[in-house]
Amino acid sequence: GHFETYDIPFHVAKFDVSLTAFLHGDNLTFDFQYCTDLYKKETIERMAEHFLNVLKDAAHHPELVLSEIRMMSEDEKDIILHTFNHEKTDGPKNKTVSRLFEER
């Protein structure tokens, strides 16, 4: 996928997030518009990347059911599974999160 940012003539988003598709010859162009008070540019870029991953997976493997389509890239999946999940916590090992909330 190719990303390109550009300024649009109006400066107020009509919705929190909107996605519009335009057909130009054989090419589809997708336009994400978003409220900058609610979203960071990086968040929208990650959302767009996930959207492209879904489109690519669906186009290359039309036999997949929705639950089998990959949203994250292998690099992002690896970071989440192997970096974030290896954080050490000092919390009790034998209690559920809901139990800890109840005790608080």
PDB file of N, CA and C in Angstrom:
ATOM      1  N   GLY A   1       0.802  -1.194   0.000  1.00  0.00           N
ATOM      2  CA  GLY A   1       0.000   0.000   0.000  1.00  0.00           C
ATOM      3  C   GLY A   1       0.839   1.249   0.000  1.00  0.00           C
ATOM      4  N   HIS A   2       0.293   2.289  -0.530  1.00  0.00           N
ATOM      5  CA  HIS A   2       0.970   3.576  -0.604  1.00  0.00           C
ATOM      6  C   HIS A   2       0.163   4.605   0.182  1.00  0.00           C
ATOM      7  N   PHE A   3       0.836   5.286   1.127  1.00  0.00           N
ATOM      8  CA  PHE A   3       0.179   6.316   1.925  1.00  0.00           C
ATOM      9  C   PHE A   3       0.653   7.678   1.478  1.00  0.00           C
ATOM     10  N   GLU A   4      -0.265   8.606   1.438  1.00  0.00           N
ATOM     11  CA  GLU A   4       0.079   9.974   1.097  1.00  0.00           C
ATOM     12  C   GLU A   4      -0.859  10.883   1.884  1.00  0.00           C
ATOM     13  N   THR A   5      -0.297  11.823   2.596  1.00  0.00           N
ATOM     14  CA  THR A   5      -1.141  12.765   3.322  1.00  0.00           C
ATOM     15  C   THR A   5      -1.250  14.053   2.518  1.00  0.00           C
ATOM     16  N   TYR A   6      -2.381  14.719   2.652  1.00  0.00           N
ATOM     17  CA  TYR A   6      -2.579  15.973   1.945  1.00  0.00           C
ATOM     18  C   TYR A   6      -3.618  16.797   2.687  1.00  0.00           C
ATOM     19  N   ASP A   7      -3.547  18.096   2.478  1.00  0.00           N
ATOM     20  CA  ASP A   7      -4.509  19.008   3.102  1.00  0.00           C
ATOM     21  C   ASP A   7      -5.785  19.030   2.284  1.00  0.00           C
ATOM     22  N   ILE A   8      -6.899  19.100   2.991  1.00  0.00           N
ATOM     23  CA  ILE A   8      -8.187  19.216   2.325  1.00  0.00           C
ATOM     24  C   ILE A   8      -8.717  20.622   2.561  1.00  0.00           C
ATOM     25  N   PRO A   9      -9.615  21.106   1.707  1.00  0.00           N
ATOM     26  CA  PRO A   9     -10.031  22.504   1.784  1.00  0.00           C
ATOM     27  C   PRO A   9     -10.807  22.890   3.038  1.00  0.00           C
ATOM     28  N   PHE A  10     -11.431  21.948   3.724  1.00  0.00           N
ATOM     29  CA  PHE A  10     -12.152  22.315   4.946  1.00  0.00           C
ATOM     30  C   PHE A  10     -11.416  21.725   6.139  1.00  0.00           C
ATOM     31  N   HIS A  11     -11.574  22.363   7.283  1.00  0.00           N
ATOM     32  CA  HIS A  11     -10.759  22.017   8.441  1.00  0.00           C
ATOM     33  C   HIS A  11     -11.567  21.462   9.610  1.00  0.00           C
ATOM     34  N   VAL A  12     -12.801  21.095   9.376  1.00  0.00           N
ATOM     35  CA  VAL A  12     -13.630  20.529  10.432  1.00  0.00           C
ATOM     36  C   VAL A  12     -14.157  19.178   9.951  1.00  0.00           C
ATOM     37  N   ALA A  13     -13.869  18.128  10.717  1.00  0.00           N
ATOM     38  CA  ALA A  13     -14.360  16.802  10.352  1.00  0.00           C
ATOM     39  C   ALA A  13     -15.857  16.729  10.629  1.00  0.00           C
ATOM     40  N   LYS A  14     -16.602  16.155   9.699  1.00  0.00           N
ATOM     41  CA  LYS A  14     -18.041  16.018   9.880  1.00  0.00           C
ATOM     42  C   LYS A  14     -18.375  14.898  10.852  1.00  0.00           C
ATOM     43  N   PHE A  15     -17.482  13.909  10.952  1.00  0.00           N
ATOM     44  CA  PHE A  15     -17.669  12.766  11.846  1.00  0.00           C
ATOM     45  C   PHE A  15     -16.375  12.540  12.603  1.00  0.00           C
ATOM     46  N   ASP A  16     -16.442  11.722  13.661  1.00  0.00           N
ATOM     47  CA  ASP A  16     -15.219  11.420  14.410  1.00  0.00           C
ATOM     48  C   ASP A  16     -14.185  10.787  13.489  1.00  0.00           C
ATOM     49  N   VAL A  17     -14.612   9.803  12.689  1.00  0.00           N
ATOM     50  CA  VAL A  17     -13.764   9.166  11.681  1.00  0.00           C
ATOM     51  C   VAL A  17     -14.651   8.818  10.499  1.00  0.00           C
ATOM     52  N   SER A  18     -14.182   9.089   9.306  1.00  0.00           N
ATOM     53  CA  SER A  18     -14.917   8.652   8.118  1.00  0.00           C
ATOM     54  C   SER A  18     -13.921   8.130   7.093  1.00  0.00           C
ATOM     55  N   LEU A  19     -14.380   7.186   6.293  1.00  0.00           N
ATOM     56  CA  LEU A  19     -13.564   6.609   5.232  1.00  0.00           C
ATOM     57  C   LEU A  19     -14.358   6.668   3.939  1.00  0.00           C
ATOM     58  N   THR A  20     -13.773   7.276   2.927  1.00  0.00           N
ATOM     59  CA  THR A  20     -14.422   7.397   1.626  1.00  0.00           C
ATOM     60  C   THR A  20     -13.525   6.744   0.584  1.00  0.00           C
ATOM     61  N   ALA A  21     -14.127   6.016  -0.353  1.00  0.00           N
ATOM     62  CA  ALA A  21     -13.381   5.377  -1.433  1.00  0.00           C
ATOM     63  C   ALA A  21     -13.716   6.065  -2.744  1.00  0.00           C
ATOM     64  N   PHE A  22     -12.685   6.332  -3.551  1.00  0.00           N
ATOM     65  CA  PHE A  22     -12.845   6.945  -4.862  1.00  0.00           C
ATOM     66  C   PHE A  22     -12.221   6.034  -5.903  1.00  0.00           C
ATOM     67  N   LEU A  23     -12.900   5.855  -7.025  1.00  0.00           N
ATOM     68  CA  LEU A  23     -12.375   5.055  -8.121  1.00  0.00           C
ATOM     69  C   LEU A  23     -11.786   5.986  -9.169  1.00  0.00           C
ATOM     70  N   HIS A  24     -10.498   5.824  -9.450  1.00  0.00           N
ATOM     71  CA  HIS A  24      -9.794   6.602 -10.474  1.00  0.00           C
ATOM     72  C   HIS A  24      -9.226   5.618 -11.488  1.00  0.00           C
ATOM     73  N   GLY A  25      -9.927   5.393 -12.580  1.00  0.00           N
ATOM     74  CA  GLY A  25      -9.486   4.402 -13.558  1.00  0.00           C
ATOM     75  C   GLY A  25      -9.497   3.017 -12.925  1.00  0.00           C
ATOM     76  N   ASP A  26      -8.319   2.400 -12.863  1.00  0.00           N
ATOM     77  CA  ASP A  26      -8.191   1.078 -12.248  1.00  0.00           C
ATOM     78  C   ASP A  26      -7.778   1.156 -10.775  1.00  0.00           C
ATOM     79  N   ASN A  27      -7.632   2.351 -10.236  1.00  0.00           N
ATOM     80  CA  ASN A  27      -7.142   2.518  -8.868  1.00  0.00           C
ATOM     81  C   ASN A  27      -8.246   2.977  -7.932  1.00  0.00           C
ATOM     82  N   LEU A  28      -8.186   2.446  -6.717  1.00  0.00           N
ATOM     83  CA  LEU A  28      -9.057   2.914  -5.642  1.00  0.00           C
ATOM     84  C   LEU A  28      -8.247   3.807  -4.726  1.00  0.00           C
ATOM     85  N   THR A  29      -8.793   4.947  -4.374  1.00  0.00           N
ATOM     86  CA  THR A  29      -8.166   5.847  -3.414  1.00  0.00           C
ATOM     87  C   THR A  29      -9.074   5.910  -2.190  1.00  0.00           C
ATOM     88  N   PHE A  30      -8.484   5.739  -1.012  1.00  0.00           N
ATOM     89  CA  PHE A  30      -9.244   5.807   0.229  1.00  0.00           C
ATOM     90  C   PHE A  30      -8.872   7.079   0.972  1.00  0.00           C
ATOM     91  N   ASP A  31      -9.872   7.757   1.470  1.00  0.00           N
ATOM     92  CA  ASP A  31      -9.687   9.021   2.170  1.00  0.00           C
ATOM     93  C   ASP A  31     -10.198   8.883   3.597  1.00  0.00           C
ATOM     94  N   PHE A  32      -9.264   8.885   4.558  1.00  0.00           N
ATOM     95  CA  PHE A  32      -9.636   8.907   5.974  1.00  0.00           C
ATOM     96  C   PHE A  32      -9.713  10.355   6.410  1.00  0.00           C
ATOM     97  N   GLN A  33     -10.842  10.752   6.968  1.00  0.00           N
ATOM     98  CA  GLN A  33     -10.970  12.056   7.598  1.00  0.00           C
ATOM     99  C   GLN A  33     -11.282  11.798   9.064  1.00  0.00           C
ATOM    100  N   TYR A  34     -10.682  12.592   9.938  1.00  0.00           N
ATOM    101  CA  TYR A  34     -10.858  12.336  11.376  1.00  0.00           C
ATOM    102  C   TYR A  34     -10.749  13.619  12.176  1.00  0.00           C
ATOM    103  N   CYS A  35     -11.313  13.558  13.354  1.00  0.00           N
ATOM    104  CA  CYS A  35     -11.273  14.677  14.288  1.00  0.00           C
ATOM    105  C   CYS A  35      -9.923  14.656  15.014  1.00  0.00           C
ATOM    106  N   THR A  36      -9.129  15.693  14.807  1.00  0.00           N
ATOM    107  CA  THR A  36      -7.791  15.724  15.407  1.00  0.00           C
ATOM    108  C   THR A  36      -7.829  15.948  16.915  1.00  0.00           C
ATOM    109  N   ASP A  37      -8.969  16.356  17.451  1.00  0.00           N
ATOM    110  CA  ASP A  37      -9.105  16.464  18.902  1.00  0.00           C
ATOM    111  C   ASP A  37      -9.232  15.086  19.549  1.00  0.00           C
ATOM    112  N   LEU A  38      -9.662  14.090  18.771  1.00  0.00           N
ATOM    113  CA  LEU A  38      -9.894  12.753  19.303  1.00  0.00           C
ATOM    114  C   LEU A  38      -8.820  11.737  18.921  1.00  0.00           C
ATOM    115  N   TYR A  39      -8.187  11.923  17.770  1.00  0.00           N
ATOM    116  CA  TYR A  39      -7.247  10.932  17.258  1.00  0.00           C
ATOM    117  C   TYR A  39      -5.909  11.562  16.914  1.00  0.00           C
ATOM    118  N   LYS A  40      -4.848  10.816  17.186  1.00  0.00           N
ATOM    119  CA  LYS A  40      -3.522  11.221  16.739  1.00  0.00           C
ATOM    120  C   LYS A  40      -3.327  10.730  15.306  1.00  0.00           C
ATOM    121  N   LYS A  41      -2.463  11.402  14.583  1.00  0.00           N
ATOM    122  CA  LYS A  41      -2.157  11.007  13.209  1.00  0.00           C
ATOM    123  C   LYS A  41      -1.675   9.549  13.169  1.00  0.00           C
ATOM    124  N   GLU A  42      -0.850   9.157  14.130  1.00  0.00           N
ATOM    125  CA  GLU A  42      -0.305   7.803  14.172  1.00  0.00           C
ATOM    126  C   GLU A  42      -1.401   6.756  14.350  1.00  0.00           C
ATOM    127  N   THR A  43      -2.428   7.092  15.098  1.00  0.00           N
ATOM    128  CA  THR A  43      -3.550   6.166  15.305  1.00  0.00           C
ATOM    129  C   THR A  43      -4.285   5.923  13.993  1.00  0.00           C
ATOM    130  N   ILE A  44      -4.540   6.982  13.240  1.00  0.00           N
ATOM    131  CA  ILE A  44      -5.232   6.860  11.959  1.00  0.00           C
ATOM    132  C   ILE A  44      -4.356   6.123  10.951  1.00  0.00           C
ATOM    133  N   GLU A  45      -3.056   6.386  10.966  1.00  0.00           N
ATOM    134  CA  GLU A  45      -2.148   5.677  10.064  1.00  0.00           C
ATOM    135  C   GLU A  45      -2.156   4.175  10.363  1.00  0.00           C
ATOM    136  N   ARG A  46      -2.176   3.820  11.657  1.00  0.00           N
ATOM    137  CA  ARG A  46      -2.239   2.401  12.037  1.00  0.00           C
ATOM    138  C   ARG A  46      -3.584   1.808  11.612  1.00  0.00           C
ATOM    139  N   MET A  47      -4.669   2.564  11.774  1.00  0.00           N
ATOM    140  CA  MET A  47      -5.990   2.116  11.351  1.00  0.00           C
ATOM    141  C   MET A  47      -6.009   1.881   9.837  1.00  0.00           C
ATOM    142  N   ALA A  48      -5.413   2.797   9.078  1.00  0.00           N
ATOM    143  CA  ALA A  48      -5.354   2.660   7.624  1.00  0.00           C
ATOM    144  C   ALA A  48      -4.524   1.445   7.234  1.00  0.00           C
ATOM    145  N   GLU A  49      -3.426   1.220   7.932  1.00  0.00           N
ATOM    146  CA  GLU A  49      -2.581   0.050   7.666  1.00  0.00           C
ATOM    147  C   GLU A  49      -3.360  -1.238   7.927  1.00  0.00           C
ATOM    148  N   HIS A  50      -4.118  -1.278   9.006  1.00  0.00           N
ATOM    149  CA  HIS A  50      -4.947  -2.452   9.311  1.00  0.00           C
ATOM    150  C   HIS A  50      -5.999  -2.669   8.226  1.00  0.00           C
ATOM    151  N   PHE A  51      -6.600  -1.578   7.767  1.00  0.00           N
ATOM    152  CA  PHE A  51      -7.610  -1.667   6.717  1.00  0.00           C
ATOM    153  C   PHE A  51      -7.002  -2.247   5.440  1.00  0.00           C
ATOM    154  N   LEU A  52      -5.805  -1.774   5.084  1.00  0.00           N
ATOM    155  CA  LEU A  52      -5.125  -2.297   3.892  1.00  0.00           C
ATOM    156  C   LEU A  52      -4.768  -3.777   4.058  1.00  0.00           C
ATOM    157  N   ASN A  53      -4.344  -4.168   5.253  1.00  0.00           N
ATOM    158  CA  ASN A  53      -4.039  -5.583   5.498  1.00  0.00           C
ATOM    159  C   ASN A  53      -5.278  -6.447   5.280  1.00  0.00           C
ATOM    160  N   VAL A  54      -6.433  -5.986   5.749  1.00  0.00           N
ATOM    161  CA  VAL A  54      -7.688  -6.725   5.562  1.00  0.00           C
ATOM    162  C   VAL A  54      -8.013  -6.836   4.076  1.00  0.00           C
ATOM    163  N   LEU A  55      -7.895  -5.713   3.347  1.00  0.00           N
ATOM    164  CA  LEU A  55      -8.184  -5.730   1.912  1.00  0.00           C
ATOM    165  C   LEU A  55      -7.247  -6.670   1.157  1.00  0.00           C
ATOM    166  N   LYS A  56      -5.960  -6.608   1.469  1.00  0.00           N
ATOM    167  CA  LYS A  56      -4.980  -7.469   0.792  1.00  0.00           C
ATOM    168  C   LYS A  56      -5.257  -8.938   1.078  1.00  0.00           C
ATOM    169  N   ASP A  57      -5.502  -9.269   2.337  1.00  0.00           N
ATOM    170  CA  ASP A  57      -5.751 -10.659   2.706  1.00  0.00           C
ATOM    171  C   ASP A  57      -7.014 -11.177   2.033  1.00  0.00           C
ATOM    172  N   ALA A  58      -8.050 -10.367   2.009  1.00  0.00           N
ATOM    173  CA  ALA A  58      -9.316 -10.775   1.382  1.00  0.00           C
ATOM    174  C   ALA A  58      -9.145 -10.929  -0.135  1.00  0.00           C
ATOM    175  N   ALA A  59      -8.363 -10.047  -0.753  1.00  0.00           N
ATOM    176  CA  ALA A  59      -8.162 -10.122  -2.205  1.00  0.00           C
ATOM    177  C   ALA A  59      -7.312 -11.323  -2.604  1.00  0.00           C
ATOM    178  N   HIS A  60      -6.289 -11.618  -1.806  1.00  0.00           N
ATOM    179  CA  HIS A  60      -5.393 -12.732  -2.129  1.00  0.00           C
ATOM    180  C   HIS A  60      -5.959 -14.087  -1.726  1.00  0.00           C
ATOM    181  N   HIS A  61      -6.883 -14.106  -0.770  1.00  0.00           N
ATOM    182  CA  HIS A  61      -7.449 -15.359  -0.267  1.00  0.00           C
ATOM    183  C   HIS A  61      -8.963 -15.218  -0.123  1.00  0.00           C
ATOM    184  N   PRO A  62      -9.692 -15.160  -1.227  1.00  0.00           N
ATOM    185  CA  PRO A  62     -11.143 -14.920  -1.166  1.00  0.00           C
ATOM    186  C   PRO A  62     -11.919 -16.033  -0.463  1.00  0.00           C
ATOM    187  N   GLU A  63     -11.298 -17.184  -0.263  1.00  0.00           N
ATOM    188  CA  GLU A  63     -11.980 -18.289   0.406  1.00  0.00           C
ATOM    189  C   GLU A  63     -12.001 -18.139   1.932  1.00  0.00           C
ATOM    190  N   LEU A  64     -11.238 -17.194   2.470  1.00  0.00           N
ATOM    191  CA  LEU A  64     -11.178 -17.013   3.925  1.00  0.00           C
ATOM    192  C   LEU A  64     -12.503 -16.497   4.466  1.00  0.00           C
ATOM    193  N   VAL A  65     -12.848 -16.990   5.653  1.00  0.00           N
ATOM    194  CA  VAL A  65     -13.993 -16.402   6.351  1.00  0.00           C
ATOM    195  C   VAL A  65     -13.481 -15.187   7.116  1.00  0.00           C
ATOM    196  N   LEU A  66     -14.376 -14.316   7.506  1.00  0.00           N
ATOM    197  CA  LEU A  66     -13.995 -13.046   8.126  1.00  0.00           C
ATOM    198  C   LEU A  66     -13.063 -13.223   9.322  1.00  0.00           C
ATOM    199  N   SER A  67     -13.315 -14.228  10.157  1.00  0.00           N
ATOM    200  CA  SER A  67     -12.491 -14.423  11.356  1.00  0.00           C
ATOM    201  C   SER A  67     -11.063 -14.849  11.024  1.00  0.00           C
ATOM    202  N   GLU A  68     -10.800 -15.283   9.796  1.00  0.00           N
ATOM    203  CA  GLU A  68      -9.463 -15.738   9.402  1.00  0.00           C
ATOM    204  C   GLU A  68      -8.638 -14.637   8.735  1.00  0.00           C
ATOM    205  N   ILE A  69      -9.262 -13.519   8.427  1.00  0.00           N
ATOM    206  CA  ILE A  69      -8.548 -12.433   7.752  1.00  0.00           C
ATOM    207  C   ILE A  69      -7.656 -11.713   8.756  1.00  0.00           C
ATOM    208  N   ARG A  70      -6.407 -11.483   8.355  1.00  0.00           N
ATOM    209  CA  ARG A  70      -5.429 -10.849   9.245  1.00  0.00           C
ATOM    210  C   ARG A  70      -5.520  -9.333   9.149  1.00  0.00           C
ATOM    211  N   MET A  71      -5.600  -8.696  10.287  1.00  0.00           N
ATOM    212  CA  MET A  71      -5.639  -7.248  10.337  1.00  0.00           C
ATOM    213  C   MET A  71      -4.234  -6.691  10.581  1.00  0.00           C
ATOM    214  N   MET A  72      -3.489  -7.340  11.458  1.00  0.00           N
ATOM    215  CA  MET A  72      -2.158  -6.865  11.816  1.00  0.00           C
ATOM    216  C   MET A  72      -1.100  -7.483  10.925  1.00  0.00           C
ATOM    217  N   SER A  73      -0.032  -6.750  10.717  1.00  0.00           N
ATOM    218  CA  SER A  73       1.120  -7.292  10.002  1.00  0.00           C
ATOM    219  C   SER A  73       1.829  -8.278  10.935  1.00  0.00           C
ATOM    220  N   GLU A  74       2.682  -9.115  10.370  1.00  0.00           N
ATOM    221  CA  GLU A  74       3.423 -10.078  11.193  1.00  0.00           C
ATOM    222  C   GLU A  74       4.333  -9.355  12.187  1.00  0.00           C
ATOM    223  N   ASP A  75       4.928  -8.237  11.786  1.00  0.00           N
ATOM    224  CA  ASP A  75       5.799  -7.472  12.699  1.00  0.00           C
ATOM    225  C   ASP A  75       5.011  -6.931  13.888  1.00  0.00           C
ATOM    226  N   GLU A  76       3.840  -6.361  13.618  1.00  0.00           N
ATOM    227  CA  GLU A  76       3.015  -5.808  14.699  1.00  0.00           C
ATOM    228  C   GLU A  76       2.527  -6.919  15.620  1.00  0.00           C
ATOM    229  N   LYS A  77       2.115  -8.034  15.035  1.00  0.00           N
ATOM    230  CA  LYS A  77       1.663  -9.177  15.823  1.00  0.00           C
ATOM    231  C   LYS A  77       2.788  -9.691  16.724  1.00  0.00           C
ATOM    232  N   ASP A  78       3.996  -9.759  16.186  1.00  0.00           N
ATOM    233  CA  ASP A  78       5.152 -10.219  16.949  1.00  0.00           C
ATOM    234  C   ASP A  78       5.448  -9.297  18.122  1.00  0.00           C
ATOM    235  N   ILE A  79       5.363  -7.989  17.882  1.00  0.00           N
ATOM    236  CA  ILE A  79       5.607  -7.020  18.961  1.00  0.00           C
ATOM    237  C   ILE A  79       4.590  -7.199  20.084  1.00  0.00           C
ATOM    238  N   ILE A  80       3.326  -7.326  19.722  1.00  0.00           N
ATOM    239  CA  ILE A  80       2.273  -7.466  20.739  1.00  0.00           C
ATOM    240  C   ILE A  80       2.417  -8.770  21.504  1.00  0.00           C
ATOM    241  N   LEU A  81       2.671  -9.860  20.794  1.00  0.00           N
ATOM    242  CA  LEU A  81       2.755 -11.168  21.453  1.00  0.00           C
ATOM    243  C   LEU A  81       4.014 -11.345  22.277  1.00  0.00           C
ATOM    244  N   HIS A  82       5.137 -10.831  21.786  1.00  0.00           N
ATOM    245  CA  HIS A  82       6.405 -11.132  22.446  1.00  0.00           C
ATOM    246  C   HIS A  82       7.002  -9.986  23.252  1.00  0.00           C
ATOM    247  N   THR A  83       6.578  -8.773  23.017  1.00  0.00           N
ATOM    248  CA  THR A  83       7.117  -7.654  23.792  1.00  0.00           C
ATOM    249  C   THR A  83       6.166  -7.264  24.911  1.00  0.00           C
ATOM    250  N   PHE A  84       4.916  -6.948  24.549  1.00  0.00           N
ATOM    251  CA  PHE A  84       3.965  -6.490  25.559  1.00  0.00           C
ATOM    252  C   PHE A  84       3.579  -7.597  26.536  1.00  0.00           C
ATOM    253  N   ASN A  85       3.545  -8.829  26.104  1.00  0.00           N
ATOM    254  CA  ASN A  85       3.109  -9.925  26.966  1.00  0.00           C
ATOM    255  C   ASN A  85       4.188 -10.415  27.920  1.00  0.00           C
ATOM    256  N   HIS A  86       5.394  -9.901  27.812  1.00  0.00           N
ATOM    257  CA  HIS A  86       6.456 -10.348  28.702  1.00  0.00           C
ATOM    258  C   HIS A  86       6.745  -9.356  29.813  1.00  0.00           C
ATOM    259  N   GLU A  87       5.830  -8.417  30.004  1.00  0.00           N
ATOM    260  CA  GLU A  87       5.982  -7.462  31.099  1.00  0.00           C
ATOM    261  C   GLU A  87       5.746  -8.181  32.418  1.00  0.00           C
ATOM    262  N   LYS A  88       6.593  -7.907  33.377  1.00  0.00           N
ATOM    263  CA  LYS A  88       6.446  -8.500  34.714  1.00  0.00           C
ATOM    264  C   LYS A  88       5.474  -7.657  35.526  1.00  0.00           C
ATOM    265  N   THR A  89       4.594  -8.307  36.256  1.00  0.00           N
ATOM    266  CA  THR A  89       3.687  -7.597  37.155  1.00  0.00           C
ATOM    267  C   THR A  89       3.857  -8.134  38.564  1.00  0.00           C
ATOM    268  N   ASP A  90       3.586  -7.288  39.526  1.00  0.00           N
ATOM    269  CA  ASP A  90       3.705  -7.686  40.919  1.00  0.00           C
ATOM    270  C   ASP A  90       2.372  -8.095  41.516  1.00  0.00           C
ATOM    271  N   GLY A  91       1.346  -8.146  40.685  1.00  0.00           N
ATOM    272  CA  GLY A  91       0.014  -8.470  41.178  1.00  0.00           C
ATOM    273  C   GLY A  91      -0.098  -9.919  41.610  1.00  0.00           C
ATOM    274  N   PRO A  92      -1.138 -10.224  42.386  1.00  0.00           N
ATOM    275  CA  PRO A  92      -1.339 -11.602  42.841  1.00  0.00           C
ATOM    276  C   PRO A  92      -1.602 -12.534  41.662  1.00  0.00           C
ATOM    277  N   LYS A  93      -1.035 -13.718  41.723  1.00  0.00           N
ATOM    278  CA  LYS A  93      -1.129 -14.670  40.612  1.00  0.00           C
ATOM    279  C   LYS A  93      -2.430 -15.469  40.624  1.00  0.00           C
ATOM    280  N   ASN A  94      -3.109 -15.530  41.767  1.00  0.00           N
ATOM    281  CA  ASN A  94      -4.268 -16.418  41.888  1.00  0.00           C
ATOM    282  C   ASN A  94      -5.610 -15.682  41.903  1.00  0.00           C
ATOM    283  N   LYS A  95      -5.637 -14.421  41.466  1.00  0.00           N
ATOM    284  CA  LYS A  95      -6.886 -13.652  41.480  1.00  0.00           C
ATOM    285  C   LYS A  95      -7.177 -13.106  40.093  1.00  0.00           C
ATOM    286  N   THR A  96      -8.449 -13.082  39.745  1.00  0.00           N
ATOM    287  CA  THR A  96      -8.862 -12.513  38.463  1.00  0.00           C
ATOM    288  C   THR A  96      -8.916 -10.993  38.564  1.00  0.00           C
ATOM    289  N   VAL A  97      -8.935 -10.334  37.427  1.00  0.00           N
ATOM    290  CA  VAL A  97      -9.019  -8.874  37.407  1.00  0.00           C
ATOM    291  C   VAL A  97     -10.318  -8.412  38.051  1.00  0.00           C
ATOM    292  N   SER A  98     -11.434  -9.104  37.756  1.00  0.00           N
ATOM    293  CA  SER A  98     -12.710  -8.700  38.348  1.00  0.00           C
ATOM    294  C   SER A  98     -12.679  -8.842  39.868  1.00  0.00           C
ATOM    295  N   ARG A  99     -11.984  -9.858  40.380  1.00  0.00           N
ATOM    296  CA  ARG A  99     -11.861 -10.051  41.830  1.00  0.00           C
ATOM    297  C   ARG A  99     -11.058  -8.901  42.440  1.00  0.00           C
ATOM    298  N   LEU A 100      -9.994  -8.470  41.784  1.00  0.00           N
ATOM    299  CA  LEU A 100      -9.200  -7.358  42.282  1.00  0.00           C
ATOM    300  C   LEU A 100      -9.998  -6.062  42.317  1.00  0.00           C
ATOM    301  N   PHE A 101     -10.849  -5.840  41.292  1.00  0.00           N
ATOM    302  CA  PHE A 101     -11.742  -4.669  41.297  1.00  0.00           C
ATOM    303  C   PHE A 101     -12.710  -4.725  42.454  1.00  0.00           C
ATOM    304  N   GLU A 102     -13.280  -5.888  42.699  1.00  0.00           N
ATOM    305  CA  GLU A 102     -14.233  -6.040  43.823  1.00  0.00           C
ATOM    306  C   GLU A 102     -13.556  -5.727  45.142  1.00  0.00           C
ATOM    307  N   GLU A 103     -12.325  -6.163  45.320  1.00  0.00           N
ATOM    308  CA  GLU A 103     -11.606  -5.919  46.582  1.00  0.00           C
ATOM    309  C   GLU A 103     -11.263  -4.447  46.758  1.00  0.00           C
ATOM    310  N   ARG A 104     -11.057  -3.737  45.683  1.00  0.00           N
ATOM    311  CA  ARG A 104     -10.750  -2.311  45.773  1.00  0.00           C
ATOM    312  C   ARG A 104     -11.981  -1.559  46.255  1.00  0.00           C
TER     313      ARG A 104
END
